Amino acid sequence: MSEVKKAAEKTEKAVKKSGDGKLSKIFNWIKTLPQRIAKPFKNMYYELKKVTWPSKQKLITYSIIVLLFMLFMGVVIGLLDMGASALIKLLM
């Protein structure tokens, strides 16, 4: 009979431990949540400190180049669209 009681006590202890383990995991997850949310923002801050930002003159130059390229590509795409529309009108 004592062996049965010992086995039952071991089983109860095992159930309690597994229940406590799950509960403690949940509490640890909740406790570490703010740290896990803040970590990517801290990493981003440190990475942005390493960036070498362009000077004002370079920024203006690069912006003008990008705008001119966009204008050029808009004209090219517009001409291709007009040509394709004219071709379709000829075929119909």
Protein backbone atom coordinates (compact mmCIF):
# COMPACT_ATOMS: atom_id res chain seq x y z
CA MET A 1 0.00 0.00 0.00
CA SER A 2 2.83 2.38 0.79
CA GLU A 3 4.27 1.89 -2.67
CA VAL A 4 0.96 2.96 -4.22
CA LYS A 5 0.88 6.08 -2.02
CA LYS A 6 4.47 6.94 -2.96
CA ALA A 7 3.67 6.52 -6.64
CA ALA A 8 0.56 8.69 -6.26
CA GLU A 9 2.55 11.38 -4.46
CA LYS A 10 5.22 11.36 -7.19
CA THR A 11 2.50 11.71 -9.82
CA GLU A 12 0.91 14.63 -7.95
CA LYS A 13 4.28 16.34 -7.59
CA ALA A 14 4.98 15.86 -11.29
CA VAL A 15 1.58 17.35 -12.20
CA LYS A 16 2.16 20.31 -9.88
CA LYS A 17 5.64 20.91 -11.30
CA SER A 18 4.41 20.82 -14.89
CA GLY A 19 1.56 23.16 -14.00
CA ASP A 20 3.92 25.54 -12.21
CA GLY A 21 6.30 25.38 -15.15
CA LYS A 22 3.63 26.46 -17.61
CA LEU A 23 2.43 29.19 -15.30
CA SER A 24 5.94 30.46 -14.67
CA LYS A 25 6.60 30.47 -18.43
CA ILE A 26 3.52 32.62 -18.94
CA PHE A 27 4.57 35.02 -16.19
CA ASN A 28 8.12 35.21 -17.57
CA TRP A 29 6.74 35.87 -21.06
CA ILE A 30 4.60 38.73 -19.72
CA LYS A 31 7.44 40.07 -17.57
CA THR A 32 9.91 40.17 -20.47
CA LEU A 33 7.41 41.56 -22.99
CA PRO A 34 8.41 45.25 -22.60
CA GLN A 35 12.09 44.36 -23.00
CA ARG A 36 11.37 42.35 -26.13
CA ILE A 37 9.33 45.21 -27.59
CA ALA A 38 12.01 47.80 -26.82
CA LYS A 39 14.96 45.77 -28.14
CA PRO A 40 14.36 46.37 -31.90
CA PHE A 41 13.96 50.10 -31.29
CA LYS A 42 17.22 50.23 -29.33
CA ASN A 43 18.99 48.33 -32.10
CA MET A 44 17.58 50.72 -34.68
CA TYR A 45 18.77 53.71 -32.67
CA TYR A 46 22.32 52.33 -32.44
CA GLU A 47 22.39 51.49 -36.15
CA LEU A 48 21.19 54.97 -37.11
CA LYS A 49 24.03 56.48 -35.07
CA LYS A 50 26.47 54.61 -37.34
CA VAL A 51 25.01 56.06 -40.56
CA THR A 52 27.05 58.68 -42.40
CA TRP A 53 24.47 61.20 -43.56
CA PRO A 54 25.10 63.17 -46.79
CA SER A 55 25.83 66.87 -46.70
CA LYS A 56 23.10 69.35 -47.65
CA GLN A 57 24.66 69.95 -51.07
CA LYS A 58 24.92 66.22 -51.86
CA LEU A 59 21.33 65.69 -50.71
CA ILE A 60 20.09 68.42 -53.06
CA THR A 61 22.16 67.02 -55.95
CA TYR A 62 20.90 63.46 -55.41
CA SER A 63 17.29 64.68 -55.12
CA ILE A 64 17.54 66.59 -58.42
CA ILE A 65 19.04 63.53 -60.13
CA VAL A 66 16.19 61.34 -58.88
CA LEU A 67 13.53 63.86 -59.97
CA LEU A 68 15.09 64.18 -63.45
CA PHE A 69 15.23 60.41 -63.80
CA MET A 70 11.58 60.13 -62.76
CA LEU A 71 10.63 62.79 -65.33
CA PHE A 72 12.61 61.00 -68.04
CA MET A 73 11.02 57.63 -67.23
CA GLY A 74 7.56 59.25 -67.16
CA VAL A 75 8.12 60.58 -70.69
CA VAL A 76 9.42 57.21 -71.92
CA ILE A 77 6.49 55.29 -70.42
CA GLY A 78 4.04 57.89 -71.75
CA LEU A 79 5.47 57.58 -75.27
CA LEU A 80 5.32 53.78 -75.07
CA ASP A 81 1.71 53.98 -73.91
CA MET A 82 0.76 56.37 -76.72
CA GLY A 83 2.52 54.13 -79.26
CA ALA A 84 0.76 51.01 -77.96
CA SER A 85 -2.61 52.81 -78.05
CA ALA A 86 -2.02 53.95 -81.63
CA LEU A 87 -0.99 50.41 -82.64
CA ILE A 88 -4.15 48.93 -81.10
CA LYS A 89 -6.32 51.55 -82.90
CA LEU A 90 -4.66 50.59 -86.21
CA LEU A 91 -5.33 46.90 -85.62
CA MET A 92 -9.00 47.43 -84.81
